[in-house]
Amino acid sequence: MQFTMKRRQALWGMGALGAAAAFGLPARAATRNLAVLHLASHAPSFIAFERGYYKDAGLDIQLKFFEAAQPMAVAIASGDADFGVTAMSGGLISLAQKDAVKVIGGALTEETGITGAIVLASNKAYDAGLTDPSKLAGKSFGITTAGSSFHFMAHKIAQANNVKLADIELRPLQKLGAIVGALSTGQIDAWVIQPSVAKKMIREGAAKQIGIMSDYAPNYQVTTAFTSTKNAKDERAMTESFIKAYSRAVADYNAAFVDKTADAAEVDALAKIVHKYVESDSPADVAKQNLIDGSMRINQGLALSLDSCVEQLEWFKSEGMVKDAITNEQLFDTSYVKTI
């Protein structure tokens, strides 16, 4: 009897799926996890989620929060997450060489004319003479982990100012919140971070601006979109649906906060969505103003600045953080988006 009932249930389920297909109803999509950080640069992740863009594309997306880029890559390689939008890291590149992950698009980008990431000095270091990035030799600089975007940006800043990176004390602090606290209390001397965070610290008197990243890397592809190699190769329709949904939210975000072509009601609506996930401990009007003042361009359609990404890959190789043998083809799948 038990076998018969189970068999009937299975047949009923198959019949329901068949009926759904017959009447043009979408079958229930498997839940997919999107790895995110509590940063304004992840605003499209939240906008697409709250506005139902993922559902419109036939996806059941859940948000999975992390504190740094490196664990996000590991989560995608292990199947704990399906998509991520964050900086290229040494860990991500090494996983790509093992055929576990693929970069499929670009997201946040430095653009001349838009204030991007800001180089900060602690008040203590600033008062002691650290008023310009050219004076970073002998100073401490906050990063999450070795091989993170902060590490690469420190390299670009040092290179442009004829400072040896070896002469800067890189201080790995694992989490963004820990770096904010260390800079605010003078435990580290310098950092570089997206404007939404940097301007808040400056406004609150927690740090001083000493430079901007676009002066040193004007076309820097700060973050990329990536997924598992399995998804990229075997789940093309699903991956394309994700890019489509995310791109809708990117268009909303750029119009409201970068190009400023959206009307006031739209700006308010998007700011309210983002405030649920970013600076939720700040008053809504303050968080909104931070978005307006501190947003950076996100590439429309998740277009990939391939030259910038290849430059980053070559730097990782030169520093011995990844193996020389990894190829562009192992890391990038350029079939999904436009390359720029």
C-alpha atoms as a PDB file:
ATOM      1  CA  MET A   1       0.000   0.000   0.000  1.00  0.00           C
ATOM      2  CA  GLN A   2       2.779   2.430   0.907  1.00  0.00           C
ATOM      3  CA  PHE A   3       4.543   1.768  -2.398  1.00  0.00           C
ATOM      4  CA  THR A   4       1.239   2.244  -4.259  1.00  0.00           C
ATOM      5  CA  MET A   5       0.533   5.555  -2.569  1.00  0.00           C
ATOM      6  CA  LYS A   6       4.046   6.838  -3.279  1.00  0.00           C
ATOM      7  CA  ARG A   7       3.710   5.723  -6.869  1.00  0.00           C
ATOM      8  CA  ARG A   8       0.385   7.503  -7.185  1.00  0.00           C
ATOM      9  CA  GLN A   9       1.852  10.657  -5.681  1.00  0.00           C
ATOM     10  CA  ALA A  10       4.754  10.521  -8.104  1.00  0.00           C
ATOM     11  CA  LEU A  11       2.414   9.995 -11.064  1.00  0.00           C
ATOM     12  CA  TRP A  12       0.169  12.822  -9.847  1.00  0.00           C
ATOM     13  CA  GLY A  13       3.206  15.088  -9.610  1.00  0.00           C
ATOM     14  CA  MET A  14       4.254  14.190 -13.134  1.00  0.00           C
ATOM     15  CA  GLY A  15       0.713  14.818 -14.286  1.00  0.00           C
ATOM     16  CA  ALA A  16       0.686  18.230 -12.631  1.00  0.00           C
ATOM     17  CA  LEU A  17       3.914  19.154 -14.372  1.00  0.00           C
ATOM     18  CA  GLY A  18       2.470  17.967 -17.637  1.00  0.00           C
ATOM     19  CA  ALA A  19      -0.670  20.017 -17.069  1.00  0.00           C
ATOM     20  CA  ALA A  20       1.402  23.065 -16.257  1.00  0.00           C
ATOM     21  CA  ALA A  21       3.311  22.641 -19.490  1.00  0.00           C
ATOM     22  CA  ALA A  22       0.097  22.069 -21.446  1.00  0.00           C
ATOM     23  CA  PHE A  23      -1.498  25.259 -20.165  1.00  0.00           C
ATOM     24  CA  GLY A  24       1.695  27.300 -20.567  1.00  0.00           C
ATOM     25  CA  LEU A  25       2.251  27.643 -16.833  1.00  0.00           C
ATOM     26  CA  PRO A  26       5.875  27.933 -15.647  1.00  0.00           C
ATOM     27  CA  ALA A  27       7.202  25.038 -13.616  1.00  0.00           C
ATOM     28  CA  ARG A  28       8.482  25.949 -10.178  1.00  0.00           C
ATOM     29  CA  ALA A  29      12.104  27.069 -10.467  1.00  0.00           C
ATOM     30  CA  ALA A  30      14.759  25.655  -8.192  1.00  0.00           C
ATOM     31  CA  THR A  31      15.935  28.104  -5.549  1.00  0.00           C
ATOM     32  CA  ARG A  32      19.197  29.825  -6.467  1.00  0.00           C
ATOM     33  CA  ASN A  33      21.400  31.770  -4.048  1.00  0.00           C
ATOM     34  CA  LEU A  34      22.960  35.117  -4.946  1.00  0.00           C
ATOM     35  CA  ALA A  35      26.043  35.989  -2.882  1.00  0.00           C
ATOM     36  CA  VAL A  36      26.019  39.634  -1.785  1.00  0.00           C
ATOM     37  CA  LEU A  37      27.695  42.144   0.519  1.00  0.00           C
ATOM     38  CA  HIS A  38      26.058  44.919   2.532  1.00  0.00           C
ATOM     39  CA  LEU A  39      27.428  47.568   0.137  1.00  0.00           C
ATOM     40  CA  ALA A  40      25.771  50.157  -2.099  1.00  0.00           C
ATOM     41  CA  SER A  41      27.562  48.633  -5.085  1.00  0.00           C
ATOM     42  CA  HIS A  42      25.276  45.618  -4.597  1.00  0.00           C
ATOM     43  CA  ALA A  43      22.179  47.805  -4.922  1.00  0.00           C
ATOM     44  CA  PRO A  44      21.053  46.105  -8.185  1.00  0.00           C
ATOM     45  CA  SER A  45      21.029  42.765  -6.343  1.00  0.00           C
ATOM     46  CA  PHE A  46      18.513  44.178  -3.872  1.00  0.00           C
ATOM     47  CA  ILE A  47      16.512  46.129  -6.449  1.00  0.00           C
ATOM     48  CA  ALA A  48      16.037  43.071  -8.673  1.00  0.00           C
ATOM     49  CA  PHE A  49      15.034  41.010  -5.636  1.00  0.00           C
ATOM     50  CA  GLU A  50      12.538  43.497  -4.213  1.00  0.00           C
ATOM     51  CA  ARG A  51      11.013  44.475  -7.576  1.00  0.00           C
ATOM     52  CA  GLY A  52      10.511  40.891  -8.653  1.00  0.00           C
ATOM     53  CA  TYR A  53      12.857  41.043 -11.637  1.00  0.00           C
ATOM     54  CA  TYR A  54      14.281  37.612 -10.843  1.00  0.00           C
ATOM     55  CA  LYS A  55      10.800  36.122 -10.637  1.00  0.00           C
ATOM     56  CA  ASP A  56       9.856  37.807 -13.915  1.00  0.00           C
ATOM     57  CA  ALA A  57      12.832  36.008 -15.455  1.00  0.00           C
ATOM     58  CA  GLY A  58      11.639  32.671 -14.065  1.00  0.00           C
ATOM     59  CA  LEU A  59      14.148  32.521 -11.211  1.00  0.00           C
ATOM     60  CA  ASP A  60      13.665  31.895  -7.505  1.00  0.00           C
ATOM     61  CA  ILE A  61      16.615  33.890  -6.143  1.00  0.00           C
ATOM     62  CA  GLN A  62      17.487  34.174  -2.467  1.00  0.00           C
ATOM     63  CA  LEU A  63      20.127  36.561  -1.086  1.00  0.00           C
ATOM     64  CA  LYS A  64      23.063  35.063   0.822  1.00  0.00           C
ATOM     65  CA  PHE A  65      25.212  37.575   2.689  1.00  0.00           C
ATOM     66  CA  PHE A  66      28.995  37.546   3.062  1.00  0.00           C
ATOM     67  CA  GLU A  67      31.653  39.805   4.588  1.00  0.00           C
ATOM     68  CA  ALA A  68      34.325  39.642   1.853  1.00  0.00           C
ATOM     69  CA  ALA A  69      34.898  38.592  -1.751  1.00  0.00           C
ATOM     70  CA  GLN A  70      37.028  35.505  -1.136  1.00  0.00           C
ATOM     71  CA  PRO A  71      34.374  33.439   0.722  1.00  0.00           C
ATOM     72  CA  MET A  72      31.857  34.281  -1.996  1.00  0.00           C
ATOM     73  CA  ALA A  73      33.989  32.560  -4.621  1.00  0.00           C
ATOM     74  CA  VAL A  74      34.361  29.506  -2.398  1.00  0.00           C
ATOM     75  CA  ALA A  75      30.589  29.376  -1.862  1.00  0.00           C
ATOM     76  CA  ILE A  76      29.933  29.394  -5.595  1.00  0.00           C
ATOM     77  CA  ALA A  77      32.536  26.725  -6.255  1.00  0.00           C
ATOM     78  CA  SER A  78      30.985  24.510  -3.562  1.00  0.00           C
ATOM     79  CA  GLY A  79      27.413  25.083  -4.699  1.00  0.00           C
ATOM     80  CA  ASP A  80      26.357  27.068  -1.619  1.00  0.00           C
ATOM     81  CA  ALA A  81      25.667  30.007  -3.949  1.00  0.00           C
ATOM     82  CA  ASP A  82      24.944  30.176  -7.674  1.00  0.00           C
ATOM     83  CA  PHE A  83      25.911  33.741  -8.570  1.00  0.00           C
ATOM     84  CA  GLY A  84      28.061  36.475  -7.117  1.00  0.00           C
ATOM     85  CA  VAL A  85      28.978  40.039  -7.946  1.00  0.00           C
ATOM     86  CA  THR A  86      32.233  41.088  -6.363  1.00  0.00           C
ATOM     87  CA  ALA A  87      35.884  41.840  -7.007  1.00  0.00           C
ATOM     88  CA  MET A  88      38.236  39.361  -8.639  1.00  0.00           C
ATOM     89  CA  SER A  89      40.348  37.777  -5.934  1.00  0.00           C
ATOM     90  CA  GLY A  90      43.232  35.355  -5.863  1.00  0.00           C
ATOM     91  CA  GLY A  91      40.886  32.707  -4.520  1.00  0.00           C
ATOM     92  CA  LEU A  92      38.415  33.189  -7.364  1.00  0.00           C
ATOM     93  CA  ILE A  93      41.176  32.914  -9.966  1.00  0.00           C
ATOM     94  CA  SER A  94      42.586  29.753  -8.396  1.00  0.00           C
ATOM     95  CA  LEU A  95      39.114  28.200  -8.373  1.00  0.00           C
ATOM     96  CA  ALA A  96      38.709  29.112 -12.042  1.00  0.00           C
ATOM     97  CA  GLN A  97      41.917  27.232 -12.807  1.00  0.00           C
ATOM     98  CA  LYS A  98      40.350  24.203 -11.133  1.00  0.00           C
ATOM     99  CA  ASP A  99      37.384  24.624 -13.508  1.00  0.00           C
ATOM    100  CA  ALA A 100      35.041  25.536 -10.627  1.00  0.00           C
ATOM    101  CA  VAL A 101      34.010  29.144 -11.392  1.00  0.00           C
ATOM    102  CA  LYS A 102      33.745  31.516 -14.364  1.00  0.00           C
ATOM    103  CA  VAL A 103      33.620  35.298 -14.633  1.00  0.00           C
ATOM    104  CA  ILE A 104      30.649  35.990 -16.914  1.00  0.00           C
ATOM    105  CA  GLY A 105      30.283  39.779 -16.729  1.00  0.00           C
ATOM    106  CA  GLY A 106      31.418  43.078 -15.286  1.00  0.00           C
ATOM    107  CA  ALA A 107      29.714  45.298 -12.738  1.00  0.00           C
ATOM    108  CA  LEU A 108      31.109  48.238 -10.755  1.00  0.00           C
ATOM    109  CA  THR A 109      33.648  50.310 -12.680  1.00  0.00           C
ATOM    110  CA  GLU A 110      35.856  53.345 -12.188  1.00  0.00           C
ATOM    111  CA  GLU A 111      34.933  56.063 -14.665  1.00  0.00           C
ATOM    112  CA  THR A 112      36.655  59.377 -15.287  1.00  0.00           C
ATOM    113  CA  GLY A 113      34.378  62.207 -14.228  1.00  0.00           C
ATOM    114  CA  ILE A 114      32.635  60.212 -11.504  1.00  0.00           C
ATOM    115  CA  THR A 115      34.116  60.111  -8.010  1.00  0.00           C
ATOM    116  CA  GLY A 116      34.751  56.444  -7.439  1.00  0.00           C
ATOM    117  CA  ALA A 117      36.633  54.780  -4.608  1.00  0.00           C
ATOM    118  CA  ILE A 118      38.270  57.266  -2.259  1.00  0.00           C
ATOM    119  CA  VAL A 119      41.706  56.933  -0.645  1.00  0.00           C
ATOM    120  CA  LEU A 120      41.369  57.660   3.063  1.00  0.00           C
ATOM    121  CA  ALA A 121      43.774  58.408   5.883  1.00  0.00           C
ATOM    122  CA  SER A 122      42.990  58.067   9.560  1.00  0.00           C
ATOM    123  CA  ASN A 123      42.784  61.345  11.434  1.00  0.00           C
ATOM    124  CA  LYS A 124      45.863  60.346  13.412  1.00  0.00           C
ATOM    125  CA  ALA A 125      47.906  59.583  10.292  1.00  0.00           C
ATOM    126  CA  TYR A 126      46.651  62.695   8.501  1.00  0.00           C
ATOM    127  CA  ASP A 127      47.678  64.912  11.405  1.00  0.00           C
ATOM    128  CA  ALA A 128      51.091  63.202  11.325  1.00  0.00           C
ATOM    129  CA  GLY A 129      51.579  64.150   7.665  1.00  0.00           C
ATOM    130  CA  LEU A 130      49.788  61.510   5.555  1.00  0.00           C
ATOM    131  CA  THR A 131      48.006  64.066   3.390  1.00  0.00           C
ATOM    132  CA  ASP A 132      48.685  62.444   0.013  1.00  0.00           C
ATOM    133  CA  PRO A 133      49.033  58.848  -1.289  1.00  0.00           C
ATOM    134  CA  SER A 134      52.632  59.609  -2.305  1.00  0.00           C
ATOM    135  CA  LYS A 135      53.444  59.498   1.424  1.00  0.00           C
ATOM    136  CA  LEU A 136      52.227  55.943   2.032  1.00  0.00           C
ATOM    137  CA  ALA A 137      55.727  54.407   2.422  1.00  0.00           C
ATOM    138  CA  GLY A 138      56.114  53.156   5.981  1.00  0.00           C
ATOM    139  CA  LYS A 139      52.366  53.411   6.650  1.00  0.00           C
ATOM    140  CA  SER A 140      49.786  50.686   7.267  1.00  0.00           C
ATOM    141  CA  PHE A 141      47.001  50.067   4.737  1.00  0.00           C
ATOM    142  CA  GLY A 142      43.833  48.083   5.426  1.00  0.00           C
ATOM    143  CA  ILE A 143      42.784  45.153   3.218  1.00  0.00           C
ATOM    144  CA  THR A 144      40.357  42.293   3.768  1.00  0.00           C
ATOM    145  CA  THR A 145      42.688  39.525   2.589  1.00  0.00           C
ATOM    146  CA  ALA A 146      45.774  39.127   0.447  1.00  0.00           C
ATOM    147  CA  GLY A 147      44.669  39.047  -3.177  1.00  0.00           C
ATOM    148  CA  SER A 148      41.552  41.139  -2.550  1.00  0.00           C
ATOM    149  CA  SER A 149      40.502  44.202  -4.559  1.00  0.00           C
ATOM    150  CA  PHE A 150      41.939  46.340  -1.755  1.00  0.00           C
ATOM    151  CA  HIS A 151      45.311  44.662  -2.277  1.00  0.00           C
ATOM    152  CA  PHE A 152      45.174  45.376  -6.019  1.00  0.00           C
ATOM    153  CA  MET A 153      44.117  48.997  -5.452  1.00  0.00           C
ATOM    154  CA  ALA A 154      46.994  49.469  -3.015  1.00  0.00           C
ATOM    155  CA  HIS A 155      49.287  48.216  -5.787  1.00  0.00           C
ATOM    156  CA  LYS A 156      47.849  50.697  -8.322  1.00  0.00           C
ATOM    157  CA  ILE A 157      48.102  53.598  -5.877  1.00  0.00           C
ATOM    158  CA  ALA A 158      51.689  52.716  -4.942  1.00  0.00           C
ATOM    159  CA  GLN A 159      52.688  52.224  -8.588  1.00  0.00           C
ATOM    160  CA  ALA A 160      51.294  55.609  -9.636  1.00  0.00           C
ATOM    161  CA  ASN A 161      53.085  57.366  -6.794  1.00  0.00           C
ATOM    162  CA  ASN A 162      56.461  55.631  -7.242  1.00  0.00           C
ATOM    163  CA  VAL A 163      56.127  53.915  -3.885  1.00  0.00           C
ATOM    164  CA  LYS A 164      57.202  50.292  -3.485  1.00  0.00           C
ATOM    165  CA  LEU A 165      54.258  48.177  -2.389  1.00  0.00           C
ATOM    166  CA  ALA A 166      56.669  46.266  -0.149  1.00  0.00           C
ATOM    167  CA  ASP A 167      57.222  49.524   1.760  1.00  0.00           C
ATOM    168  CA  ILE A 168      53.529  49.718   2.694  1.00  0.00           C
ATOM    169  CA  GLU A 169      52.373  47.525   5.568  1.00  0.00           C
ATOM    170  CA  LEU A 170      49.290  45.734   4.255  1.00  0.00           C
ATOM    171  CA  ARG A 171      47.058  44.840   7.199  1.00  0.00           C
ATOM    172  CA  PRO A 172      44.579  41.991   6.485  1.00  0.00           C
ATOM    173  CA  LEU A 173      41.511  42.490   8.680  1.00  0.00           C
ATOM    174  CA  GLN A 174      39.128  40.031   6.966  1.00  0.00           C
ATOM    175  CA  LYS A 175      35.920  42.070   7.268  1.00  0.00           C
ATOM    176  CA  LEU A 176      34.900  45.503   5.984  1.00  0.00           C
ATOM    177  CA  GLY A 177      33.502  46.488   9.361  1.00  0.00           C
ATOM    178  CA  ALA A 178      36.819  45.692  11.014  1.00  0.00           C
ATOM    179  CA  ILE A 179      38.656  47.964   8.564  1.00  0.00           C
ATOM    180  CA  VAL A 180      36.195  50.805   9.189  1.00  0.00           C
ATOM    181  CA  GLY A 181      36.753  50.438  12.935  1.00  0.00           C
ATOM    182  CA  ALA A 182      40.536  50.231  12.611  1.00  0.00           C
ATOM    183  CA  LEU A 183      40.750  53.339  10.439  1.00  0.00           C
ATOM    184  CA  SER A 184      38.335  55.288  12.639  1.00  0.00           C
ATOM    185  CA  THR A 185      40.439  54.581  15.728  1.00  0.00           C
ATOM    186  CA  GLY A 186      43.823  55.100  14.090  1.00  0.00           C
ATOM    187  CA  GLN A 187      44.883  51.450  14.307  1.00  0.00           C
ATOM    188  CA  ILE A 188      45.654  51.570  10.576  1.00  0.00           C
ATOM    189  CA  ASP A 189      46.808  54.597   8.616  1.00  0.00           C
ATOM    190  CA  ALA A 190      45.043  54.301   5.257  1.00  0.00           C
ATOM    191  CA  TRP A 191      42.400  52.526   3.175  1.00  0.00           C
ATOM    192  CA  VAL A 192      40.563  52.853  -0.146  1.00  0.00           C
ATOM    193  CA  ILE A 193      36.824  52.194  -0.337  1.00  0.00           C
ATOM    194  CA  GLN A 194      33.714  52.917  -2.390  1.00  0.00           C
ATOM    195  CA  PRO A 195      32.384  56.472  -2.026  1.00  0.00           C
ATOM    196  CA  SER A 196      29.185  55.509  -0.214  1.00  0.00           C
ATOM    197  CA  VAL A 197      31.304  54.247   2.701  1.00  0.00           C
ATOM    198  CA  ALA A 198      34.141  56.770   2.380  1.00  0.00           C
ATOM    199  CA  LYS A 199      31.935  59.867   2.289  1.00  0.00           C
ATOM    200  CA  LYS A 200      30.015  58.681   5.345  1.00  0.00           C
ATOM    201  CA  MET A 201      33.281  58.313   7.272  1.00  0.00           C
ATOM    202  CA  ILE A 202      34.487  61.730   6.105  1.00  0.00           C
ATOM    203  CA  ARG A 203      31.191  63.387   6.999  1.00  0.00           C
ATOM    204  CA  GLU A 204      31.247  61.824  10.455  1.00  0.00           C
ATOM    205  CA  GLY A 205      34.827  62.999  11.012  1.00  0.00           C
ATOM    206  CA  ALA A 206      36.197  59.436  11.155  1.00  0.00           C
ATOM    207  CA  ALA A 207      38.761  59.833   8.328  1.00  0.00           C
ATOM    208  CA  LYS A 208      40.211  62.248   5.773  1.00  0.00           C
ATOM    209  CA  GLN A 209      40.232  62.040   1.971  1.00  0.00           C
ATOM    210  CA  ILE A 210      43.724  62.051   0.454  1.00  0.00           C
ATOM    211  CA  GLY A 211      43.024  60.840  -3.104  1.00  0.00           C
ATOM    212  CA  ILE A 212      40.612  59.173  -5.525  1.00  0.00           C
ATOM    213  CA  MET A 213      41.088  55.809  -7.218  1.00  0.00           C
ATOM    214  CA  SER A 214      40.132  56.967 -10.723  1.00  0.00           C
ATOM    215  CA  ASP A 215      43.342  59.045 -10.803  1.00  0.00           C
ATOM    216  CA  TYR A 216      45.314  55.790 -10.666  1.00  0.00           C
ATOM    217  CA  ALA A 217      43.029  53.310 -12.481  1.00  0.00           C
ATOM    218  CA  PRO A 218      40.493  55.211 -14.617  1.00  0.00           C
ATOM    219  CA  ASN A 219      39.066  52.095 -16.316  1.00  0.00           C
ATOM    220  CA  TYR A 220      39.348  49.686 -13.414  1.00  0.00           C
ATOM    221  CA  GLN A 221      36.717  46.902 -13.445  1.00  0.00           C
ATOM    222  CA  VAL A 222      36.157  46.876  -9.713  1.00  0.00           C
ATOM    223  CA  THR A 223      33.680  44.019  -9.503  1.00  0.00           C
ATOM    224  CA  THR A 224      32.660  41.188 -11.783  1.00  0.00           C
ATOM    225  CA  ALA A 225      29.692  38.839 -12.059  1.00  0.00           C
ATOM    226  CA  PHE A 226      30.563  35.183 -11.769  1.00  0.00           C
ATOM    227  CA  THR A 227      28.991  31.769 -11.436  1.00  0.00           C
ATOM    228  CA  SER A 228      30.019  28.148 -11.279  1.00  0.00           C
ATOM    229  CA  THR A 229      31.552  26.592 -14.366  1.00  0.00           C
ATOM    230  CA  LYS A 230      28.688  24.088 -14.301  1.00  0.00           C
ATOM    231  CA  ASN A 231      26.108  26.881 -14.494  1.00  0.00           C
ATOM    232  CA  ALA A 232      28.015  28.665 -17.243  1.00  0.00           C
ATOM    233  CA  LYS A 233      28.352  25.502 -19.336  1.00  0.00           C
ATOM    234  CA  ASP A 234      25.217  23.492 -18.563  1.00  0.00           C
ATOM    235  CA  GLU A 235      22.629  26.032 -17.355  1.00  0.00           C
ATOM    236  CA  ARG A 236      22.821  28.627 -20.106  1.00  0.00           C
ATOM    237  CA  ALA A 237      19.150  29.619 -20.129  1.00  0.00           C
ATOM    238  CA  MET A 238      19.144  30.075 -16.359  1.00  0.00           C
ATOM    239  CA  THR A 239      22.385  32.078 -16.430  1.00  0.00           C
ATOM    240  CA  GLU A 240      21.094  34.305 -19.238  1.00  0.00           C
ATOM    241  CA  SER A 241      17.903  34.882 -17.239  1.00  0.00           C
ATOM    242  CA  PHE A 242      19.949  36.002 -14.248  1.00  0.00           C
ATOM    243  CA  ILE A 243      21.927  38.477 -16.368  1.00  0.00           C
ATOM    244  CA  LYS A 244      18.717  39.817 -17.903  1.00  0.00           C
ATOM    245  CA  ALA A 245      17.070  40.349 -14.518  1.00  0.00           C
ATOM    246  CA  TYR A 246      20.165  41.886 -12.966  1.00  0.00           C
ATOM    247  CA  SER A 247      20.617  44.188 -15.941  1.00  0.00           C
ATOM    248  CA  ARG A 248      17.103  45.593 -15.467  1.00  0.00           C
ATOM    249  CA  ALA A 249      18.075  46.590 -11.934  1.00  0.00           C
ATOM    250  CA  VAL A 250      21.396  48.049 -13.131  1.00  0.00           C
ATOM    251  CA  ALA A 251      19.475  50.322 -15.507  1.00  0.00           C
ATOM    252  CA  ASP A 252      17.264  51.494 -12.616  1.00  0.00           C
ATOM    253  CA  TYR A 253      20.280  52.113 -10.379  1.00  0.00           C
ATOM    254  CA  ASN A 254      22.330  54.032 -12.968  1.00  0.00           C
ATOM    255  CA  ALA A 255      19.383  56.215 -13.962  1.00  0.00           C
ATOM    256  CA  ALA A 256      18.579  57.136 -10.378  1.00  0.00           C
ATOM    257  CA  PHE A 257      21.988  57.519  -8.766  1.00  0.00           C
ATOM    258  CA  VAL A 258      24.669  57.890 -11.463  1.00  0.00           C
ATOM    259  CA  ASP A 259      23.103  59.591 -14.491  1.00  0.00           C
ATOM    260  CA  LYS A 260      20.384  61.192 -12.333  1.00  0.00           C
ATOM    261  CA  THR A 261      17.754  60.968 -15.083  1.00  0.00           C
ATOM    262  CA  ALA A 262      15.070  59.294 -12.934  1.00  0.00           C
ATOM    263  CA  ASP A 263      12.323  61.347 -11.308  1.00  0.00           C
ATOM    264  CA  ALA A 264      12.191  62.061  -7.575  1.00  0.00           C
ATOM    265  CA  ALA A 265       9.600  59.361  -6.884  1.00  0.00           C
ATOM    266  CA  GLU A 266      11.794  56.705  -8.494  1.00  0.00           C
ATOM    267  CA  VAL A 267      14.864  57.858  -6.551  1.00  0.00           C
ATOM    268  CA  ASP A 268      12.884  57.673  -3.321  1.00  0.00           C
ATOM    269  CA  ALA A 269      11.546  54.211  -4.127  1.00  0.00           C
ATOM    270  CA  LEU A 270      14.984  52.780  -4.964  1.00  0.00           C
ATOM    271  CA  ALA A 271      16.643  54.422  -1.969  1.00  0.00           C
ATOM    272  CA  LYS A 272      14.017  52.841   0.268  1.00  0.00           C
ATOM    273  CA  ILE A 273      14.776  49.402  -1.175  1.00  0.00           C
ATOM    274  CA  VAL A 274      18.540  49.737  -0.775  1.00  0.00           C
ATOM    275  CA  HIS A 275      18.193  51.116   2.761  1.00  0.00           C
ATOM    276  CA  LYS A 276      16.809  47.759   3.895  1.00  0.00           C
ATOM    277  CA  TYR A 277      20.226  46.218   3.182  1.00  0.00           C
ATOM    278  CA  VAL A 278      22.792  49.053   3.260  1.00  0.00           C
ATOM    279  CA  GLU A 279      23.285  51.502   6.143  1.00  0.00           C
ATOM    280  CA  SER A 280      20.080  50.208   7.704  1.00  0.00           C
ATOM    281  CA  ASP A 281      21.257  51.663  11.026  1.00  0.00           C
ATOM    282  CA  SER A 282      21.323  55.183   9.540  1.00  0.00           C
ATOM    283  CA  PRO A 283      18.290  57.433   9.043  1.00  0.00           C
ATOM    284  CA  ALA A 284      16.644  56.819   5.671  1.00  0.00           C
ATOM    285  CA  ASP A 285      17.287  60.363   4.434  1.00  0.00           C
ATOM    286  CA  VAL A 286      20.996  60.089   5.261  1.00  0.00           C
ATOM    287  CA  ALA A 287      21.331  56.721   3.511  1.00  0.00           C
ATOM    288  CA  LYS A 288      19.508  58.126   0.476  1.00  0.00           C
ATOM    289  CA  GLN A 289      21.860  61.089   0.261  1.00  0.00           C
ATOM    290  CA  ASN A 290      24.845  58.745   0.491  1.00  0.00           C
ATOM    291  CA  LEU A 291      23.504  56.850  -2.528  1.00  0.00           C
ATOM    292  CA  ILE A 292      23.010  60.052  -4.482  1.00  0.00           C
ATOM    293  CA  ASP A 293      26.446  61.415  -3.558  1.00  0.00           C
ATOM    294  CA  GLY A 294      28.440  58.203  -3.616  1.00  0.00           C
ATOM    295  CA  SER A 295      27.250  55.899  -6.388  1.00  0.00           C
ATOM    296  CA  MET A 296      29.576  54.587  -9.090  1.00  0.00           C
ATOM    297  CA  ARG A 297      28.728  53.351 -12.575  1.00  0.00           C
ATOM    298  CA  ILE A 298      27.703  49.718 -12.968  1.00  0.00           C
ATOM    299  CA  ASN A 299      28.205  48.478 -16.516  1.00  0.00           C
ATOM    300  CA  GLN A 300      24.931  48.292 -18.410  1.00  0.00           C
ATOM    301  CA  GLY A 301      24.071  44.739 -19.378  1.00  0.00           C
ATOM    302  CA  LEU A 302      26.948  43.642 -17.108  1.00  0.00           C
ATOM    303  CA  ALA A 303      29.377  44.418 -19.943  1.00  0.00           C
ATOM    304  CA  LEU A 304      32.889  43.244 -19.083  1.00  0.00           C
ATOM    305  CA  SER A 305      35.945  45.508 -19.197  1.00  0.00           C
ATOM    306  CA  LEU A 306      38.134  42.659 -20.328  1.00  0.00           C
ATOM    307  CA  ASP A 307      41.421  44.600 -20.588  1.00  0.00           C
ATOM    308  CA  SER A 308      41.135  45.676 -16.962  1.00  0.00           C
ATOM    309  CA  CYS A 309      40.361  42.125 -15.834  1.00  0.00           C
ATOM    310  CA  VAL A 310      43.291  40.699 -17.785  1.00  0.00           C
ATOM    311  CA  GLU A 311      45.558  43.332 -16.199  1.00  0.00           C
ATOM    312  CA  GLN A 312      44.395  42.166 -12.778  1.00  0.00           C
ATOM    313  CA  LEU A 313      45.016  38.534 -13.713  1.00  0.00           C
ATOM    314  CA  GLU A 314      48.564  39.341 -14.859  1.00  0.00           C
ATOM    315  CA  TRP A 315      49.223  41.200 -11.614  1.00  0.00           C
ATOM    316  CA  PHE A 316      48.078  38.223  -9.552  1.00  0.00           C
ATOM    317  CA  LYS A 317      50.483  36.059 -11.555  1.00  0.00           C
ATOM    318  CA  SER A 318      53.378  38.505 -11.112  1.00  0.00           C
ATOM    319  CA  GLU A 319      52.833  38.514  -7.353  1.00  0.00           C
ATOM    320  CA  GLY A 320      52.846  34.721  -7.190  1.00  0.00           C
ATOM    321  CA  MET A 321      49.303  34.627  -5.809  1.00  0.00           C
ATOM    322  CA  VAL A 322      48.025  32.436  -8.645  1.00  0.00           C
ATOM    323  CA  LYS A 323      49.719  30.009 -10.996  1.00  0.00           C
ATOM    324  CA  ASP A 324      51.197  31.319 -14.237  1.00  0.00           C
ATOM    325  CA  ALA A 325      49.516  28.509 -16.151  1.00  0.00           C
ATOM    326  CA  ILE A 326      45.968  29.862 -15.820  1.00  0.00           C
ATOM    327  CA  THR A 327      44.618  31.184 -19.108  1.00  0.00           C
ATOM    328  CA  ASN A 328      42.063  33.859 -19.931  1.00  0.00           C
ATOM    329  CA  GLU A 329      39.772  31.129 -21.268  1.00  0.00           C
ATOM    330  CA  GLN A 330      39.841  29.318 -17.919  1.00  0.00           C
ATOM    331  CA  LEU A 331      38.810  32.450 -16.033  1.00  0.00           C
ATOM    332  CA  PHE A 332      36.424  34.254 -18.397  1.00  0.00           C
ATOM    333  CA  ASP A 333      33.374  33.106 -20.302  1.00  0.00           C
ATOM    334  CA  THR A 334      32.826  36.072 -22.657  1.00  0.00           C
ATOM    335  CA  SER A 335      29.847  34.519 -24.449  1.00  0.00           C
ATOM    336  CA  TYR A 336      27.237  36.045 -22.142  1.00  0.00           C
ATOM    337  CA  VAL A 337      27.858  39.804 -22.307  1.00  0.00           C
ATOM    338  CA  LYS A 338      29.476  42.496 -24.405  1.00  0.00           C
ATOM    339  CA  THR A 339      33.194  43.067 -23.762  1.00  0.00           C
ATOM    340  CA  ILE A 340      34.407  46.667 -23.618  1.00  0.00           C
END
